[in-house]
Amino acid sequence: MLDFDSKIEFPNKKNDVFAIGEILVDMISTDYDNNFECDTYQRYFGGSPANIAINVKKLGINSAVSSAVGKDGFGKFLINSLNENEVNTDSVQNVDYATSLVMVTKSKSTPTPIFYREADYHLDYTNGLEETLLDSKFIHFSCWPISKKPARNTIEKVIEVAKKNKILVGFDPNYHPMIWNKGENGIDYVKSIIKRVDIIKPSEDDAERLFGIDTPENQLEKFLQLGAKLVILTLGKNGAIVSNGKDTIRLDTLATDVVDATGAGDAFWSGLYTGLIKGYTIRQSLSLGFGVSAFKLKYTGAVICLPEIEEIKNIYNL
């Protein structure tokens, strides 16, 4: 049981968070635009797990990434960005496919994406990846790598090894039908993964894609019924409801100035992981997640210049 007022004790390992999955280029419109009518887009570092790896490093803990990028200019840009932020890139793989990218509309709510995928799902389970995994406290992945093989097989093996070695697993169930092969039941596969992870953070949109329209309370219960241990259902401006299967709490958002919502969920994950690694309780770490998310929402792009977590705590009086 992940009690809200308890702290998680971690063994001494090199990597606090090991993010496994996609790194890709986010091309974000320079103007607010829901219909892709803007003529100008700006290149940003992207990919949910890698965003988290960079964020937590800035917040004050160590991180590593395993992903696949192309042997092209975009791939070099992504690896250089990770290296500049002192993220462990030993497990990043260079493959003979074009680096994946996403066209994104600048938005104050949920951005509209168009996906162009190649390199990201050609991620293999290697000895180097396993070495990094075994020297990590948390692993984190999203729906991207499980949506296509061979990356799906890699994540399956990662979960198996993590559970055998008592490494905590965080999962972002950001299901989107466009990233799955036509005719494949991605929803059922995502649901089958839930019981195998420790922490899951769906947004309200994620829950609706997986279960259909329902109340937040009912959506939360559905994740618990599938075997989730700690569910954080984020509700945008309405904060979040969180349950460990025994107790349920509500948290308010700390955001007052929203410029761009891209990467807000990743920022939340980053604050949560950093808080837990630094010895805060689960309840305190959830609040720190909201603090980091609120700070990120004031800027454009998924990865911004974050202060260390202690400054976030002071800014938002946490």
C-alpha atoms as a PDB file:
ATOM      1  CA  MET A   1       0.000   0.000   0.000  1.00  0.00           C
ATOM      2  CA  LEU A   2       1.351   3.416  -1.027  1.00  0.00           C
ATOM      3  CA  ASP A   3       0.104   5.461   1.941  1.00  0.00           C
ATOM      4  CA  PHE A   4      -0.179   9.192   1.319  1.00  0.00           C
ATOM      5  CA  ASP A   5       1.712  10.205   4.460  1.00  0.00           C
ATOM      6  CA  SER A   6       4.546   7.704   4.081  1.00  0.00           C
ATOM      7  CA  LYS A   7       7.937   8.068   2.427  1.00  0.00           C
ATOM      8  CA  ILE A   8       9.422   5.543   0.008  1.00  0.00           C
ATOM      9  CA  GLU A   9      12.802   4.108   0.955  1.00  0.00           C
ATOM     10  CA  PHE A  10      15.131   3.592  -2.011  1.00  0.00           C
ATOM     11  CA  PRO A  11      18.379   1.592  -2.295  1.00  0.00           C
ATOM     12  CA  ASN A  12      21.550   3.426  -3.262  1.00  0.00           C
ATOM     13  CA  LYS A  13      21.605   3.426  -7.088  1.00  0.00           C
ATOM     14  CA  LYS A  14      23.148   5.676  -9.753  1.00  0.00           C
ATOM     15  CA  ASN A  15      19.976   6.640 -11.626  1.00  0.00           C
ATOM     16  CA  ASP A  16      17.035   8.064  -9.709  1.00  0.00           C
ATOM     17  CA  VAL A  17      14.702   7.939 -12.729  1.00  0.00           C
ATOM     18  CA  PHE A  18      15.209   5.829 -15.858  1.00  0.00           C
ATOM     19  CA  ALA A  19      12.858   7.026 -18.607  1.00  0.00           C
ATOM     20  CA  ILE A  20      12.330   4.499 -21.401  1.00  0.00           C
ATOM     21  CA  GLY A  21      10.557   5.273 -24.652  1.00  0.00           C
ATOM     22  CA  GLU A  22      10.363   8.042 -27.202  1.00  0.00           C
ATOM     23  CA  ILE A  23      12.527  11.070 -27.708  1.00  0.00           C
ATOM     24  CA  LEU A  24      11.324  13.098 -30.648  1.00  0.00           C
ATOM     25  CA  VAL A  25      11.048  16.587 -32.078  1.00  0.00           C
ATOM     26  CA  ASP A  26       8.028  18.714 -31.181  1.00  0.00           C
ATOM     27  CA  MET A  27       7.216  21.236 -33.936  1.00  0.00           C
ATOM     28  CA  ILE A  28       4.923  23.712 -32.126  1.00  0.00           C
ATOM     29  CA  SER A  29       2.957  26.419 -33.947  1.00  0.00           C
ATOM     30  CA  THR A  30       4.075  29.947 -33.096  1.00  0.00           C
ATOM     31  CA  ASP A  31       0.448  31.125 -32.874  1.00  0.00           C
ATOM     32  CA  TYR A  32      -2.474  29.657 -30.944  1.00  0.00           C
ATOM     33  CA  ASP A  33      -4.108  27.384 -33.484  1.00  0.00           C
ATOM     34  CA  ASN A  34      -6.404  24.367 -33.173  1.00  0.00           C
ATOM     35  CA  ASN A  35      -6.712  23.616 -36.914  1.00  0.00           C
ATOM     36  CA  PHE A  36      -3.088  23.691 -38.157  1.00  0.00           C
ATOM     37  CA  GLU A  37      -3.647  26.892 -40.092  1.00  0.00           C
ATOM     38  CA  CYS A  38      -0.488  28.516 -38.734  1.00  0.00           C
ATOM     39  CA  ASP A  39       2.362  28.784 -41.278  1.00  0.00           C
ATOM     40  CA  THR A  40       5.232  28.863 -38.791  1.00  0.00           C
ATOM     41  CA  TYR A  41       6.402  26.151 -36.384  1.00  0.00           C
ATOM     42  CA  GLN A  42       9.344  26.126 -34.003  1.00  0.00           C
ATOM     43  CA  ARG A  43      11.497  23.106 -33.153  1.00  0.00           C
ATOM     44  CA  TYR A  44      11.504  21.894 -29.547  1.00  0.00           C
ATOM     45  CA  PHE A  45      12.904  18.889 -27.742  1.00  0.00           C
ATOM     46  CA  GLY A  46      10.087  16.419 -27.087  1.00  0.00           C
ATOM     47  CA  GLY A  47       8.996  12.961 -26.044  1.00  0.00           C
ATOM     48  CA  SER A  48       7.326  12.476 -22.693  1.00  0.00           C
ATOM     49  CA  PRO A  49       9.866  10.173 -20.977  1.00  0.00           C
ATOM     50  CA  ALA A  50      12.815  12.258 -22.138  1.00  0.00           C
ATOM     51  CA  ASN A  51      11.089  15.469 -21.043  1.00  0.00           C
ATOM     52  CA  ILE A  52      10.838  13.952 -17.573  1.00  0.00           C
ATOM     53  CA  ALA A  53      14.498  12.904 -17.601  1.00  0.00           C
ATOM     54  CA  ILE A  54      15.603  16.471 -18.341  1.00  0.00           C
ATOM     55  CA  ASN A  55      13.135  17.999 -15.894  1.00  0.00           C
ATOM     56  CA  VAL A  56      14.147  15.872 -12.916  1.00  0.00           C
ATOM     57  CA  LYS A  57      17.815  16.615 -13.572  1.00  0.00           C
ATOM     58  CA  LYS A  58      17.074  20.335 -13.387  1.00  0.00           C
ATOM     59  CA  LEU A  59      14.999  19.757 -10.254  1.00  0.00           C
ATOM     60  CA  GLY A  60      17.982  18.144  -8.542  1.00  0.00           C
ATOM     61  CA  ILE A  61      18.086  14.357  -9.057  1.00  0.00           C
ATOM     62  CA  ASN A  62      19.792  12.025 -11.549  1.00  0.00           C
ATOM     63  CA  SER A  63      18.216  10.531 -14.662  1.00  0.00           C
ATOM     64  CA  ALA A  64      18.880   8.286 -17.617  1.00  0.00           C
ATOM     65  CA  VAL A  65      17.108   7.732 -20.944  1.00  0.00           C
ATOM     66  CA  SER A  66      16.756   4.793 -23.292  1.00  0.00           C
ATOM     67  CA  SER A  67      15.278   5.554 -26.693  1.00  0.00           C
ATOM     68  CA  ALA A  68      15.921   5.207 -30.423  1.00  0.00           C
ATOM     69  CA  VAL A  69      16.678   8.113 -32.759  1.00  0.00           C
ATOM     70  CA  GLY A  70      17.673   8.352 -36.389  1.00  0.00           C
ATOM     71  CA  LYS A  71      21.170   9.007 -37.697  1.00  0.00           C
ATOM     72  CA  ASP A  72      20.115  12.453 -38.850  1.00  0.00           C
ATOM     73  CA  GLY A  73      20.154  16.097 -37.799  1.00  0.00           C
ATOM     74  CA  PHE A  74      17.065  15.783 -35.614  1.00  0.00           C
ATOM     75  CA  GLY A  75      18.594  12.780 -33.850  1.00  0.00           C
ATOM     76  CA  LYS A  76      21.795  14.720 -33.157  1.00  0.00           C
ATOM     77  CA  PHE A  77      19.739  17.660 -31.860  1.00  0.00           C
ATOM     78  CA  LEU A  78      17.904  15.388 -29.399  1.00  0.00           C
ATOM     79  CA  ILE A  79      21.022  13.614 -28.112  1.00  0.00           C
ATOM     80  CA  ASN A  80      22.881  16.920 -27.779  1.00  0.00           C
ATOM     81  CA  SER A  81      19.953  18.315 -25.782  1.00  0.00           C
ATOM     82  CA  LEU A  82      20.122  15.371 -23.375  1.00  0.00           C
ATOM     83  CA  ASN A  83      23.902  15.679 -23.024  1.00  0.00           C
ATOM     84  CA  GLU A  84      23.693  19.428 -22.437  1.00  0.00           C
ATOM     85  CA  ASN A  85      21.305  18.712 -19.580  1.00  0.00           C
ATOM     86  CA  GLU A  86      23.633  16.058 -18.112  1.00  0.00           C
ATOM     87  CA  VAL A  87      21.193  13.190 -18.641  1.00  0.00           C
ATOM     88  CA  ASN A  88      22.728   9.701 -18.920  1.00  0.00           C
ATOM     89  CA  THR A  89      22.451   8.754 -22.631  1.00  0.00           C
ATOM     90  CA  ASP A  90      24.389   5.472 -22.514  1.00  0.00           C
ATOM     91  CA  SER A  91      21.224   3.569 -23.516  1.00  0.00           C
ATOM     92  CA  VAL A  92      20.116   5.825 -26.391  1.00  0.00           C
ATOM     93  CA  GLN A  93      20.239   3.828 -29.627  1.00  0.00           C
ATOM     94  CA  ASN A  94      21.015   5.188 -33.122  1.00  0.00           C
ATOM     95  CA  VAL A  95      18.958   3.359 -35.749  1.00  0.00           C
ATOM     96  CA  ASP A  96      18.577   3.425 -39.547  1.00  0.00           C
ATOM     97  CA  TYR A  97      15.192   5.165 -39.507  1.00  0.00           C
ATOM     98  CA  ALA A  98      14.172   8.828 -39.548  1.00  0.00           C
ATOM     99  CA  THR A  99      13.872  10.517 -36.162  1.00  0.00           C
ATOM    100  CA  SER A 100      10.233  10.718 -35.072  1.00  0.00           C
ATOM    101  CA  LEU A 101       8.483  14.069 -34.771  1.00  0.00           C
ATOM    102  CA  VAL A 102       5.126  15.518 -33.765  1.00  0.00           C
ATOM    103  CA  MET A 103       3.401  18.609 -35.155  1.00  0.00           C
ATOM    104  CA  VAL A 104       1.639  20.317 -32.254  1.00  0.00           C
ATOM    105  CA  THR A 105      -0.745  23.266 -32.036  1.00  0.00           C
ATOM    106  CA  LYS A 106       0.149  25.838 -29.398  1.00  0.00           C
ATOM    107  CA  SER A 107      -2.694  25.670 -26.907  1.00  0.00           C
ATOM    108  CA  LYS A 108      -3.804  26.777 -23.445  1.00  0.00           C
ATOM    109  CA  SER A 109      -5.724  23.519 -22.986  1.00  0.00           C
ATOM    110  CA  THR A 110      -4.950  20.153 -24.629  1.00  0.00           C
ATOM    111  CA  PRO A 111      -2.635  20.540 -27.664  1.00  0.00           C
ATOM    112  CA  THR A 112      -3.693  18.907 -30.942  1.00  0.00           C
ATOM    113  CA  PRO A 113      -0.952  16.604 -32.315  1.00  0.00           C
ATOM    114  CA  ILE A 114      -0.142  14.992 -35.658  1.00  0.00           C
ATOM    115  CA  PHE A 115       2.331  12.092 -35.359  1.00  0.00           C
ATOM    116  CA  TYR A 116       5.157  11.175 -37.732  1.00  0.00           C
ATOM    117  CA  ARG A 117       6.831   8.047 -36.365  1.00  0.00           C
ATOM    118  CA  GLU A 118       9.821   5.979 -37.447  1.00  0.00           C
ATOM    119  CA  ALA A 119      12.875   5.641 -35.210  1.00  0.00           C
ATOM    120  CA  ASP A 120      11.243   5.792 -31.774  1.00  0.00           C
ATOM    121  CA  TYR A 121       9.635   2.335 -31.796  1.00  0.00           C
ATOM    122  CA  HIS A 122      12.780   0.546 -33.032  1.00  0.00           C
ATOM    123  CA  LEU A 123      14.069   0.258 -29.472  1.00  0.00           C
ATOM    124  CA  ASP A 124      15.710  -3.064 -28.575  1.00  0.00           C
ATOM    125  CA  TYR A 125      16.349  -4.638 -25.186  1.00  0.00           C
ATOM    126  CA  THR A 126      20.146  -4.737 -24.887  1.00  0.00           C
ATOM    127  CA  ASN A 127      22.702  -5.596 -22.232  1.00  0.00           C
ATOM    128  CA  GLY A 128      23.419  -1.887 -21.876  1.00  0.00           C
ATOM    129  CA  LEU A 129      19.752  -1.089 -21.323  1.00  0.00           C
ATOM    130  CA  GLU A 130      19.486  -3.790 -18.656  1.00  0.00           C
ATOM    131  CA  GLU A 131      22.615  -2.528 -16.918  1.00  0.00           C
ATOM    132  CA  THR A 132      21.100   0.958 -16.675  1.00  0.00           C
ATOM    133  CA  LEU A 133      17.765  -0.483 -15.555  1.00  0.00           C
ATOM    134  CA  LEU A 134      19.266  -2.464 -12.674  1.00  0.00           C
ATOM    135  CA  ASP A 135      21.065   0.673 -11.452  1.00  0.00           C
ATOM    136  CA  SER A 136      17.821   2.720 -11.289  1.00  0.00           C
ATOM    137  CA  LYS A 137      15.270   3.482  -8.549  1.00  0.00           C
ATOM    138  CA  PHE A 138      12.288   4.325 -10.783  1.00  0.00           C
ATOM    139  CA  ILE A 139      11.496   3.398 -14.363  1.00  0.00           C
ATOM    140  CA  HIS A 140       9.007   5.390 -16.375  1.00  0.00           C
ATOM    141  CA  PHE A 141       7.287   4.763 -19.705  1.00  0.00           C
ATOM    142  CA  SER A 142       4.242   5.905 -21.650  1.00  0.00           C
ATOM    143  CA  CYS A 143       1.931   4.456 -24.318  1.00  0.00           C
ATOM    144  CA  TRP A 144       4.310   5.337 -27.137  1.00  0.00           C
ATOM    145  CA  PRO A 145       6.771   2.450 -26.813  1.00  0.00           C
ATOM    146  CA  ILE A 146       4.064  -0.149 -26.114  1.00  0.00           C
ATOM    147  CA  SER A 147       2.069   0.847 -29.201  1.00  0.00           C
ATOM    148  CA  LYS A 148       4.442  -0.801 -31.699  1.00  0.00           C
ATOM    149  CA  LYS A 149       6.943  -3.648 -31.810  1.00  0.00           C
ATOM    150  CA  PRO A 150       9.832  -4.116 -31.206  1.00  0.00           C
ATOM    151  CA  ALA A 151       9.636  -1.392 -28.532  1.00  0.00           C
ATOM    152  CA  ARG A 152       6.614  -3.124 -26.987  1.00  0.00           C
ATOM    153  CA  ASN A 153       8.654  -6.288 -26.473  1.00  0.00           C
ATOM    154  CA  THR A 154      11.385  -4.184 -24.889  1.00  0.00           C
ATOM    155  CA  ILE A 155       8.990  -2.619 -22.385  1.00  0.00           C
ATOM    156  CA  GLU A 156       7.522  -6.024 -21.536  1.00  0.00           C
ATOM    157  CA  LYS A 157      11.013  -7.257 -20.647  1.00  0.00           C
ATOM    158  CA  VAL A 158      11.787  -4.055 -18.732  1.00  0.00           C
ATOM    159  CA  ILE A 159       8.688  -4.483 -16.556  1.00  0.00           C
ATOM    160  CA  GLU A 160       9.543  -8.142 -15.910  1.00  0.00           C
ATOM    161  CA  VAL A 161      13.096  -7.335 -14.811  1.00  0.00           C
ATOM    162  CA  ALA A 162      11.990  -4.304 -12.778  1.00  0.00           C
ATOM    163  CA  LYS A 163       9.421  -6.296 -10.810  1.00  0.00           C
ATOM    164  CA  LYS A 164      11.916  -9.096 -10.083  1.00  0.00           C
ATOM    165  CA  ASN A 165      14.347  -6.506  -8.727  1.00  0.00           C
ATOM    166  CA  LYS A 166      11.777  -4.415  -6.802  1.00  0.00           C
ATOM    167  CA  ILE A 167      12.264  -1.340  -8.987  1.00  0.00           C
ATOM    168  CA  LEU A 168       9.225   0.955  -8.954  1.00  0.00           C
ATOM    169  CA  VAL A 169       7.376   1.462 -12.240  1.00  0.00           C
ATOM    170  CA  GLY A 170       5.540   4.603 -13.335  1.00  0.00           C
ATOM    171  CA  PHE A 171       3.228   4.532 -16.363  1.00  0.00           C
ATOM    172  CA  ASP A 172       1.665   7.406 -18.301  1.00  0.00           C
ATOM    173  CA  PRO A 173      -1.424   5.895 -20.016  1.00  0.00           C
ATOM    174  CA  ASN A 174      -1.524   8.590 -22.719  1.00  0.00           C
ATOM    175  CA  TYR A 175      -3.403   6.382 -25.170  1.00  0.00           C
ATOM    176  CA  HIS A 176      -4.088   7.908 -28.575  1.00  0.00           C
ATOM    177  CA  PRO A 177      -5.475   5.787 -31.429  1.00  0.00           C
ATOM    178  CA  MET A 178      -3.265   7.499 -34.008  1.00  0.00           C
ATOM    179  CA  ILE A 179      -0.076   5.921 -32.647  1.00  0.00           C
ATOM    180  CA  TRP A 180      -1.378   2.326 -32.904  1.00  0.00           C
ATOM    181  CA  ASN A 181      -1.578   0.134 -35.981  1.00  0.00           C
ATOM    182  CA  LYS A 182      -4.982   0.139 -37.641  1.00  0.00           C
ATOM    183  CA  GLY A 183      -7.145  -2.759 -36.526  1.00  0.00           C
ATOM    184  CA  GLU A 184      -5.179  -3.350 -33.328  1.00  0.00           C
ATOM    185  CA  ASN A 185      -7.002  -3.076 -29.994  1.00  0.00           C
ATOM    186  CA  GLY A 186      -4.634  -0.749 -28.208  1.00  0.00           C
ATOM    187  CA  ILE A 187      -7.145   0.022 -25.475  1.00  0.00           C
ATOM    188  CA  ASP A 188      -7.251  -3.580 -24.259  1.00  0.00           C
ATOM    189  CA  TYR A 189      -3.470  -3.781 -24.293  1.00  0.00           C
ATOM    190  CA  VAL A 190      -3.119  -0.588 -22.229  1.00  0.00           C
ATOM    191  CA  LYS A 191      -5.643  -1.933 -19.719  1.00  0.00           C
ATOM    192  CA  SER A 192      -3.647  -5.162 -19.411  1.00  0.00           C
ATOM    193  CA  ILE A 193      -0.512  -3.225 -18.418  1.00  0.00           C
ATOM    194  CA  ILE A 194      -2.115  -1.299 -15.552  1.00  0.00           C
ATOM    195  CA  LYS A 195      -1.944  -4.068 -12.944  1.00  0.00           C
ATOM    196  CA  ARG A 196       1.806  -4.423 -13.546  1.00  0.00           C
ATOM    197  CA  VAL A 197       2.797  -0.866 -12.629  1.00  0.00           C
ATOM    198  CA  ASP A 198       3.056   1.006  -9.321  1.00  0.00           C
ATOM    199  CA  ILE A 199       2.014   4.573 -10.195  1.00  0.00           C
ATOM    200  CA  ILE A 200      -0.278   5.641 -13.040  1.00  0.00           C
ATOM    201  CA  LYS A 201      -1.249   9.207 -13.945  1.00  0.00           C
ATOM    202  CA  PRO A 202      -4.026   9.476 -16.523  1.00  0.00           C
ATOM    203  CA  SER A 203      -5.436  12.823 -17.569  1.00  0.00           C
ATOM    204  CA  GLU A 204      -9.190  13.217 -17.926  1.00  0.00           C
ATOM    205  CA  ASP A 205      -8.732  12.933 -21.710  1.00  0.00           C
ATOM    206  CA  ASP A 206      -6.702   9.725 -21.291  1.00  0.00           C
ATOM    207  CA  ALA A 207      -9.432   8.189 -19.145  1.00  0.00           C
ATOM    208  CA  GLU A 208     -12.116   9.141 -21.666  1.00  0.00           C
ATOM    209  CA  ARG A 209     -10.181   7.537 -24.541  1.00  0.00           C
ATOM    210  CA  LEU A 210      -9.794   4.329 -22.537  1.00  0.00           C
ATOM    211  CA  PHE A 211     -13.215   4.068 -20.875  1.00  0.00           C
ATOM    212  CA  GLY A 212     -15.559   6.565 -22.528  1.00  0.00           C
ATOM    213  CA  ILE A 213     -17.221   9.552 -20.897  1.00  0.00           C
ATOM    214  CA  ASP A 214     -17.899   9.234 -17.171  1.00  0.00           C
ATOM    215  CA  THR A 215     -17.462  11.119 -13.906  1.00  0.00           C
ATOM    216  CA  PRO A 216     -13.920  11.511 -12.567  1.00  0.00           C
ATOM    217  CA  GLU A 217     -14.826   9.403  -9.531  1.00  0.00           C
ATOM    218  CA  ASN A 218     -16.016   6.531 -11.723  1.00  0.00           C
ATOM    219  CA  GLN A 219     -12.976   6.800 -13.987  1.00  0.00           C
ATOM    220  CA  LEU A 220     -10.691   6.600 -10.963  1.00  0.00           C
ATOM    221  CA  GLU A 221     -12.476   3.466  -9.770  1.00  0.00           C
ATOM    222  CA  LYS A 222     -12.013   1.805 -13.161  1.00  0.00           C
ATOM    223  CA  PHE A 223      -8.230   2.146 -12.938  1.00  0.00           C
ATOM    224  CA  LEU A 224      -8.278   0.715  -9.418  1.00  0.00           C
ATOM    225  CA  GLN A 225     -10.404  -2.225 -10.541  1.00  0.00           C
ATOM    226  CA  LEU A 226      -7.768  -3.032 -13.182  1.00  0.00           C
ATOM    227  CA  GLY A 227      -5.177  -3.393 -10.433  1.00  0.00           C
ATOM    228  CA  ALA A 228      -3.585   0.055 -10.228  1.00  0.00           C
ATOM    229  CA  LYS A 229      -1.811   0.731  -6.914  1.00  0.00           C
ATOM    230  CA  LEU A 230      -1.690   4.543  -6.962  1.00  0.00           C
ATOM    231  CA  VAL A 231      -3.907   6.439  -9.433  1.00  0.00           C
ATOM    232  CA  ILE A 232      -3.496  10.164 -10.068  1.00  0.00           C
ATOM    233  CA  LEU A 233      -6.339  11.396 -12.271  1.00  0.00           C
ATOM    234  CA  THR A 234      -5.498  14.942 -13.365  1.00  0.00           C
ATOM    235  CA  LEU A 235      -8.425  17.229 -14.195  1.00  0.00           C
ATOM    236  CA  GLY A 236      -6.818  20.331 -15.707  1.00  0.00           C
ATOM    237  CA  LYS A 237      -7.992  23.497 -13.969  1.00  0.00           C
ATOM    238  CA  ASN A 238      -9.889  21.335 -11.474  1.00  0.00           C
ATOM    239  CA  GLY A 239      -6.734  19.767 -10.037  1.00  0.00           C
ATOM    240  CA  ALA A 240      -6.707  16.016  -9.455  1.00  0.00           C
ATOM    241  CA  ILE A 241      -8.214  13.178  -7.511  1.00  0.00           C
ATOM    242  CA  VAL A 242      -5.824  10.533  -6.224  1.00  0.00           C
ATOM    243  CA  SER A 243      -6.412   7.097  -4.736  1.00  0.00           C
ATOM    244  CA  ASN A 244      -4.276   4.263  -3.376  1.00  0.00           C
ATOM    245  CA  GLY A 245      -7.245   1.917  -3.291  1.00  0.00           C
ATOM    246  CA  LYS A 246      -7.950   2.681   0.353  1.00  0.00           C
ATOM    247  CA  ASP A 247      -8.017   6.469   0.646  1.00  0.00           C
ATOM    248  CA  THR A 248      -8.944   9.114  -1.912  1.00  0.00           C
ATOM    249  CA  ILE A 249      -7.787  12.742  -1.778  1.00  0.00           C
ATOM    250  CA  ARG A 250      -8.424  15.831  -3.901  1.00  0.00           C
ATOM    251  CA  LEU A 251      -5.766  18.344  -4.852  1.00  0.00           C
ATOM    252  CA  ASP A 252      -6.191  21.816  -6.337  1.00  0.00           C
ATOM    253  CA  THR A 253      -4.156  23.110  -9.240  1.00  0.00           C
ATOM    254  CA  LEU A 254      -1.557  25.788  -8.501  1.00  0.00           C
ATOM    255  CA  ALA A 255      -1.586  27.192 -12.046  1.00  0.00           C
ATOM    256  CA  THR A 256      -2.652  30.833 -12.415  1.00  0.00           C
ATOM    257  CA  ASP A 257      -0.891  31.815 -15.656  1.00  0.00           C
ATOM    258  CA  VAL A 258      -1.252  29.422 -18.619  1.00  0.00           C
ATOM    259  CA  VAL A 259       0.779  30.168 -21.763  1.00  0.00           C
ATOM    260  CA  ASP A 260       1.227  26.675 -23.224  1.00  0.00           C
ATOM    261  CA  ALA A 261      -0.027  23.322 -21.901  1.00  0.00           C
ATOM    262  CA  THR A 262       2.531  21.225 -23.822  1.00  0.00           C
ATOM    263  CA  GLY A 263       4.453  19.092 -21.324  1.00  0.00           C
ATOM    264  CA  ALA A 264       2.377  20.009 -18.275  1.00  0.00           C
ATOM    265  CA  GLY A 265       1.761  16.359 -17.454  1.00  0.00           C
ATOM    266  CA  ASP A 266       5.459  15.566 -17.806  1.00  0.00           C
ATOM    267  CA  ALA A 267       6.229  18.431 -15.430  1.00  0.00           C
ATOM    268  CA  PHE A 268       3.817  16.952 -12.899  1.00  0.00           C
ATOM    269  CA  TRP A 269       5.524  13.560 -13.133  1.00  0.00           C
ATOM    270  CA  SER A 270       8.890  15.270 -12.706  1.00  0.00           C
ATOM    271  CA  GLY A 271       7.890  17.046  -9.510  1.00  0.00           C
ATOM    272  CA  LEU A 272       6.329  13.871  -8.130  1.00  0.00           C
ATOM    273  CA  TYR A 273       9.386  11.708  -8.815  1.00  0.00           C
ATOM    274  CA  THR A 274      11.805  14.326  -7.485  1.00  0.00           C
ATOM    275  CA  GLY A 275       9.808  14.739  -4.307  1.00  0.00           C
ATOM    276  CA  LEU A 276       9.690  10.993  -3.677  1.00  0.00           C
ATOM    277  CA  ILE A 277      13.408  10.533  -4.365  1.00  0.00           C
ATOM    278  CA  LYS A 278      14.294  13.454  -2.070  1.00  0.00           C
ATOM    279  CA  GLY A 279      12.371  11.917   0.810  1.00  0.00           C
ATOM    280  CA  TYR A 280       9.075  13.781   0.784  1.00  0.00           C
ATOM    281  CA  THR A 281       5.876  11.894   1.547  1.00  0.00           C
ATOM    282  CA  ILE A 282       3.590  10.851  -1.288  1.00  0.00           C
ATOM    283  CA  ARG A 283       1.132  13.630  -0.344  1.00  0.00           C
ATOM    284  CA  GLN A 284       3.899  16.258  -0.339  1.00  0.00           C
ATOM    285  CA  SER A 285       5.311  14.919  -3.602  1.00  0.00           C
ATOM    286  CA  LEU A 286       1.899  15.201  -5.275  1.00  0.00           C
ATOM    287  CA  SER A 287       1.809  18.889  -4.298  1.00  0.00           C
ATOM    288  CA  LEU A 288       5.321  19.361  -5.650  1.00  0.00           C
ATOM    289  CA  GLY A 289       4.109  17.822  -8.907  1.00  0.00           C
ATOM    290  CA  PHE A 290       1.460  20.513  -9.147  1.00  0.00           C
ATOM    291  CA  GLY A 291       4.056  23.162  -8.332  1.00  0.00           C
ATOM    292  CA  VAL A 292       6.381  22.100 -11.143  1.00  0.00           C
ATOM    293  CA  SER A 293       3.442  21.841 -13.561  1.00  0.00           C
ATOM    294  CA  ALA A 294       2.230  25.350 -12.654  1.00  0.00           C
ATOM    295  CA  PHE A 295       5.725  26.745 -13.210  1.00  0.00           C
ATOM    296  CA  LYS A 296       6.017  25.032 -16.614  1.00  0.00           C
ATOM    297  CA  LEU A 297       2.607  26.289 -17.799  1.00  0.00           C
ATOM    298  CA  LYS A 298       3.941  29.849 -17.827  1.00  0.00           C
ATOM    299  CA  TYR A 299       6.257  29.042 -20.752  1.00  0.00           C
ATOM    300  CA  THR A 300       6.084  27.577 -24.286  1.00  0.00           C
ATOM    301  CA  GLY A 301       7.503  24.133 -24.941  1.00  0.00           C
ATOM    302  CA  ALA A 302       7.629  20.871 -23.016  1.00  0.00           C
ATOM    303  CA  VAL A 303      11.122  21.456 -21.566  1.00  0.00           C
ATOM    304  CA  ILE A 304      11.921  24.764 -19.894  1.00  0.00           C
ATOM    305  CA  CYS A 305      14.495  26.119 -17.461  1.00  0.00           C
ATOM    306  CA  LEU A 306      13.196  24.743 -14.166  1.00  0.00           C
ATOM    307  CA  PRO A 307      14.625  25.713 -10.769  1.00  0.00           C
ATOM    308  CA  GLU A 308      15.523  23.055  -8.209  1.00  0.00           C
ATOM    309  CA  ILE A 309      12.620  21.468  -6.357  1.00  0.00           C
ATOM    310  CA  GLU A 310      13.323  23.384  -3.126  1.00  0.00           C
ATOM    311  CA  GLU A 311      12.749  26.671  -4.967  1.00  0.00           C
ATOM    312  CA  ILE A 312       9.490  25.330  -6.414  1.00  0.00           C
ATOM    313  CA  LYS A 313       8.480  24.498  -2.861  1.00  0.00           C
ATOM    314  CA  ASN A 314       9.193  28.077  -1.756  1.00  0.00           C
ATOM    315  CA  ILE A 315       7.500  29.716  -4.762  1.00  0.00           C
ATOM    316  CA  TYR A 316       4.225  27.917  -4.118  1.00  0.00           C
ATOM    317  CA  ASN A 317       4.498  27.716  -0.306  1.00  0.00           C
ATOM    318  CA  LEU A 318       4.413  23.928  -0.290  1.00  0.00           C
END
